[in-house]
Amino acid sequence: MAVKKILCFAPHPDDEVLGCGGSIIKARRFGCQVHLCYISFGEYGSPRFSPKKLAAIRRKEALAVADSWGIRGKDVTLFAIPDNQISCHDLKSMKAIIKLIRTIKPDLVYLPHEQEKSFDHAEANRLIMRALDMAGSNNFFEFGKCAWWVENVLAYEVLTPLEKYQYTEDISSFINQKIQALKLYQSQTAAAGNISDFVGQKAKLLSGWRAATTLGEHREVFQVLRMGSILDKANNQ
């Protein structure tokens, strides 16, 4: 089944660019519809601003990135869960994610991998996976009566490189656009050593190393949590 709709979850604004920005840009180039869901604004992500002020800044930056990718309005969701309080035991947030999944009906979901050193990243993985399982069942019918099973789920790396991965995406033609998107997070590039400070040539290091150990110039790698049908009717036509 060809992927047409993608739902990308970012625990904080900038995770979507760092983890799978090149893949999203590539998907948009190929005509895929992409929905971005920012779980938290990451209001404690800089020593330069108060949490309230930083939340407003990072919200604006996230929308600017989405807009630069041609993603607007109904295709951007902002949950605003307090920074450092994402939890897989948050039933209210899980239900909201179930509703989002059943509304969008994505063919592919991106999310951070479970071994990320960031507490919010790891908990976001567990929270989203819990919601994905429930969205595909007949439970919680009040959050969308039609169950939706997402066949393809890929986990990306941000703070913690994946020890094992099963899928790589060649982003060589889109690496410069990824860097330009990362530069839109100015509150983070000035955050005294924050990971998003790695723009320009430094932003190419991880994707360049991933390509050096596989093939190509720049690649993003993913842990495959689900893979859709390999054999279907299309293969016989």
Protein backbone atom coordinates (compact mmCIF):
# COMPACT_ATOMS: atom_id res chain seq x y z
CA MET A 1 0.00 0.00 0.00
CA ALA A 2 1.42 3.36 -1.01
CA VAL A 3 1.71 5.86 1.85
CA LYS A 4 -0.53 8.88 1.25
CA LYS A 5 -1.14 10.26 4.75
CA ILE A 6 1.54 10.72 7.40
CA LEU A 7 1.12 11.69 11.05
CA CYS A 8 4.29 12.86 12.79
CA PHE A 9 4.40 13.24 16.58
CA ALA A 10 6.97 15.63 18.07
CA PRO A 11 7.34 15.71 21.87
CA HIS A 12 8.74 19.24 21.50
CA PRO A 13 9.01 21.69 18.60
CA ASP A 14 12.22 20.84 16.65
CA ASP A 15 12.07 17.06 17.27
CA GLU A 16 10.20 16.63 14.00
CA VAL A 17 13.02 18.33 12.09
CA LEU A 18 15.88 16.63 13.91
CA GLY A 19 14.34 13.17 13.83
CA CYS A 20 12.63 12.91 10.46
CA GLY A 21 12.66 16.35 8.84
CA GLY A 22 14.32 15.16 5.66
CA SER A 23 11.83 12.32 5.31
CA ILE A 24 8.88 14.69 5.79
CA ILE A 25 10.22 17.13 3.20
CA LYS A 26 10.73 14.23 0.80
CA ALA A 27 7.21 12.95 1.46
CA ARG A 28 5.74 16.38 0.79
CA ARG A 29 7.69 16.54 -2.48
CA PHE A 30 6.09 13.23 -3.46
CA GLY A 31 2.60 14.58 -2.74
CA CYS A 32 1.93 13.01 0.66
CA GLN A 33 -0.38 14.75 3.11
CA VAL A 34 1.44 15.33 6.41
CA HIS A 35 -0.09 16.17 9.77
CA LEU A 36 2.19 17.44 12.56
CA CYS A 37 1.29 16.94 16.22
CA TYR A 38 3.32 18.84 18.81
CA ILE A 39 2.74 17.26 22.21
CA SER A 40 4.49 19.90 24.35
CA PHE A 41 5.87 23.36 23.66
CA GLY A 42 9.11 22.55 25.52
CA GLU A 43 8.81 25.67 27.64
CA TYR A 44 11.82 24.72 29.77
CA GLY A 45 14.08 24.33 26.74
CA SER A 46 16.15 27.51 27.15
CA PRO A 47 17.83 29.42 29.99
CA ARG A 48 17.14 32.71 28.19
CA PHE A 49 13.36 32.90 28.52
CA SER A 50 10.66 32.32 31.12
CA PRO A 51 8.60 29.18 30.50
CA LYS A 52 5.53 31.23 29.53
CA LYS A 53 7.45 33.34 27.04
CA LEU A 54 9.35 30.38 25.59
CA ALA A 55 6.12 28.41 25.07
CA ALA A 56 4.75 31.25 22.95
CA ILE A 57 8.02 31.54 20.99
CA ARG A 58 8.34 27.82 20.29
CA ARG A 59 4.69 27.63 19.26
CA LYS A 60 5.32 30.38 16.72
CA GLU A 61 8.51 28.67 15.51
CA ALA A 62 6.73 25.33 15.09
CA LEU A 63 4.00 26.92 13.00
CA ALA A 64 6.66 28.65 10.89
CA VAL A 65 8.34 25.29 10.19
CA ALA A 66 5.00 23.70 9.32
CA ASP A 67 4.18 26.60 7.02
CA SER A 68 7.56 26.33 5.29
CA TRP A 69 6.62 22.73 4.46
CA GLY A 70 3.19 23.73 3.18
CA ILE A 71 1.47 22.27 6.27
CA ARG A 72 -1.19 24.59 7.67
CA GLY A 73 -4.41 24.88 9.64
CA LYS A 74 -6.16 21.58 10.25
CA ASP A 75 -2.95 19.66 9.58
CA VAL A 76 -1.20 20.99 12.70
CA THR A 77 -2.24 19.89 16.21
CA LEU A 78 -0.90 21.53 19.37
CA PHE A 79 -1.60 19.56 22.56
CA ALA A 80 0.34 21.85 24.95
CA ILE A 81 1.00 19.20 27.59
CA PRO A 82 3.35 20.84 30.15
CA ASP A 83 7.03 20.26 29.44
CA ASN A 84 8.48 17.29 31.38
CA GLN A 85 4.97 16.03 32.17
CA ILE A 86 4.27 13.77 29.19
CA SER A 87 3.14 10.43 30.59
CA CYS A 88 1.99 7.13 29.15
CA HIS A 89 -0.45 6.98 32.08
CA ASP A 90 -2.20 10.20 30.99
CA LEU A 91 -5.57 8.78 29.95
CA LYS A 92 -6.92 12.16 28.79
CA SER A 93 -4.01 12.67 26.39
CA MET A 94 -4.21 9.07 25.19
CA LYS A 95 -7.87 9.56 24.29
CA ALA A 96 -7.02 12.79 22.44
CA ILE A 97 -4.40 10.93 20.41
CA ILE A 98 -6.86 8.13 19.65
CA LYS A 99 -9.31 10.71 18.33
CA LEU A 100 -6.58 12.35 16.24
CA ILE A 101 -5.52 9.03 14.71
CA ARG A 102 -9.08 8.03 13.88
CA THR A 103 -9.77 11.46 12.38
CA ILE A 104 -6.66 11.64 10.19
CA LYS A 105 -6.50 7.91 9.35
CA PRO A 106 -2.75 7.96 8.59
CA ASP A 107 -0.94 5.27 6.62
CA LEU A 108 2.31 6.04 8.46
CA VAL A 109 3.15 7.40 11.91
CA TYR A 110 6.52 8.85 12.98
CA LEU A 111 7.37 9.03 16.69
CA PRO A 112 10.54 9.09 18.87
CA HIS A 113 12.04 5.75 19.82
CA GLU A 114 11.58 4.31 23.30
CA GLN A 115 15.25 4.44 24.34
CA GLU A 116 15.61 8.20 23.91
CA LYS A 117 17.43 9.72 26.90
CA SER A 118 14.89 12.53 27.12
CA PHE A 119 12.14 11.58 29.59
CA ASP A 120 9.50 13.29 27.47
CA HIS A 121 10.66 11.50 24.32
CA ALA A 122 10.54 8.05 25.92
CA GLU A 123 7.17 8.67 27.57
CA ALA A 124 5.78 10.09 24.32
CA ASN A 125 6.73 6.84 22.60
CA ARG A 126 4.83 4.78 25.18
CA LEU A 127 1.84 7.13 25.22
CA ILE A 128 1.53 7.16 21.42
CA MET A 129 2.00 3.40 21.08
CA ARG A 130 -0.71 2.86 23.69
CA ALA A 131 -3.03 5.15 21.72
CA LEU A 132 -2.14 3.47 18.43
CA ASP A 133 -3.14 0.08 19.84
CA MET A 134 -6.43 1.43 21.18
CA ALA A 135 -7.19 3.39 17.98
CA GLY A 136 -7.06 0.12 16.09
CA SER A 137 -9.51 -1.60 18.42
CA ASN A 138 -13.25 -1.15 18.93
CA ASN A 139 -12.74 0.40 22.35
CA PHE A 140 -13.23 4.11 23.08
CA PHE A 141 -15.85 4.40 20.33
CA GLU A 142 -16.77 7.88 21.59
CA PHE A 143 -13.47 9.11 20.17
CA GLY A 144 -14.28 8.10 16.62
CA LYS A 145 -16.65 5.23 16.00
CA CYS A 146 -14.52 3.67 13.26
CA ALA A 147 -11.38 1.96 14.50
CA TRP A 148 -8.22 2.78 12.53
CA TRP A 149 -5.20 0.51 12.50
CA VAL A 150 -2.01 2.30 11.41
CA GLU A 151 -0.06 -0.26 9.41
CA ASN A 152 3.28 1.54 9.31
CA VAL A 153 4.94 2.97 12.44
CA LEU A 154 8.54 4.23 12.39
CA ALA A 155 10.52 5.47 15.40
CA TYR A 156 13.13 8.19 14.83
CA GLU A 157 16.27 9.22 16.74
CA VAL A 158 16.99 12.65 18.24
CA LEU A 159 19.09 12.67 21.42
CA THR A 160 19.98 9.00 21.44
CA PRO A 161 21.17 7.22 18.28
CA LEU A 162 19.37 3.97 17.63
CA GLU A 163 21.47 0.90 18.42
CA LYS A 164 19.46 -1.15 15.93
CA TYR A 165 17.41 0.11 13.04
CA GLN A 166 15.59 -1.60 10.19
CA TYR A 167 14.76 1.19 7.76
CA THR A 168 16.76 4.04 6.25
CA GLU A 169 15.57 6.97 4.15
CA ASP A 170 17.90 8.67 1.68
CA ILE A 171 17.52 12.42 2.31
CA SER A 172 20.59 13.53 0.36
CA SER A 173 18.53 15.78 -1.92
CA PHE A 174 16.72 17.36 1.03
CA ILE A 175 19.45 17.88 3.64
CA ASN A 176 19.79 21.61 2.98
CA GLN A 177 16.04 22.11 3.38
CA LYS A 178 16.20 20.21 6.65
CA ILE A 179 18.91 22.55 7.89
CA GLN A 180 16.91 25.61 6.82
CA ALA A 181 13.91 24.32 8.78
CA LEU A 182 16.09 23.75 11.84
CA LYS A 183 17.31 27.35 11.65
CA LEU A 184 13.73 28.55 12.14
CA TYR A 185 14.01 27.39 15.75
CA GLN A 186 16.02 30.44 16.73
CA SER A 187 15.12 30.12 20.41
CA GLN A 188 16.95 26.79 20.41
CA THR A 189 19.94 27.69 18.24
CA ALA A 190 20.80 30.32 20.84
CA ALA A 191 20.20 28.02 23.81
CA ALA A 192 23.83 27.54 24.78
CA GLY A 193 24.64 24.06 23.53
CA ASN A 194 21.10 22.75 23.08
CA ILE A 195 20.96 19.98 20.46
CA SER A 196 19.23 22.32 17.99
CA ASP A 197 22.37 24.49 18.06
CA PHE A 198 23.81 21.96 15.65
CA VAL A 199 22.86 23.76 12.46
CA GLY A 200 24.84 24.26 9.26
CA GLN A 201 27.59 21.73 8.73
CA LYS A 202 27.14 20.23 12.22
CA ALA A 203 23.52 19.36 11.40
CA LYS A 204 24.80 17.04 8.69
CA LEU A 205 26.94 14.91 10.98
CA LEU A 206 24.47 12.24 12.11
CA SER A 207 22.76 11.83 8.74
CA GLY A 208 26.18 11.82 7.04
CA TRP A 209 27.46 9.12 9.38
CA ARG A 210 24.31 7.07 8.82
CA ALA A 211 24.89 7.25 5.07
CA ALA A 212 28.57 6.34 5.47
CA THR A 213 27.56 3.12 7.22
CA THR A 214 24.93 2.31 4.57
CA LEU A 215 24.86 4.06 1.19
CA GLY A 216 24.51 7.63 -0.03
CA GLU A 217 25.39 11.07 1.31
CA HIS A 218 22.73 11.64 3.99
CA ARG A 219 20.20 9.27 5.56
CA GLU A 220 17.70 9.23 8.40
CA VAL A 221 17.26 5.88 10.12
CA PHE A 222 14.24 4.37 11.85
CA GLN A 223 13.23 1.52 14.08
CA VAL A 224 10.34 -0.34 12.45
CA LEU A 225 7.58 -0.83 15.02
CA ARG A 226 5.00 -1.84 12.45
CA MET A 227 5.18 -2.63 8.75
CA GLY A 228 2.11 -2.80 6.53
CA SER A 229 1.18 -5.46 4.01
CA ILE A 230 3.97 -6.66 1.79
CA LEU A 231 1.69 -8.57 -0.56
CA ASP A 232 -1.58 -6.98 -1.67
CA LYS A 233 -3.85 -6.70 -4.66
CA ALA A 234 -1.73 -3.98 -6.24
CA ASN A 235 1.17 -6.39 -6.61
CA ASN A 236 -0.96 -8.65 -8.81
CA GLN A 237 -2.23 -5.98 -11.20
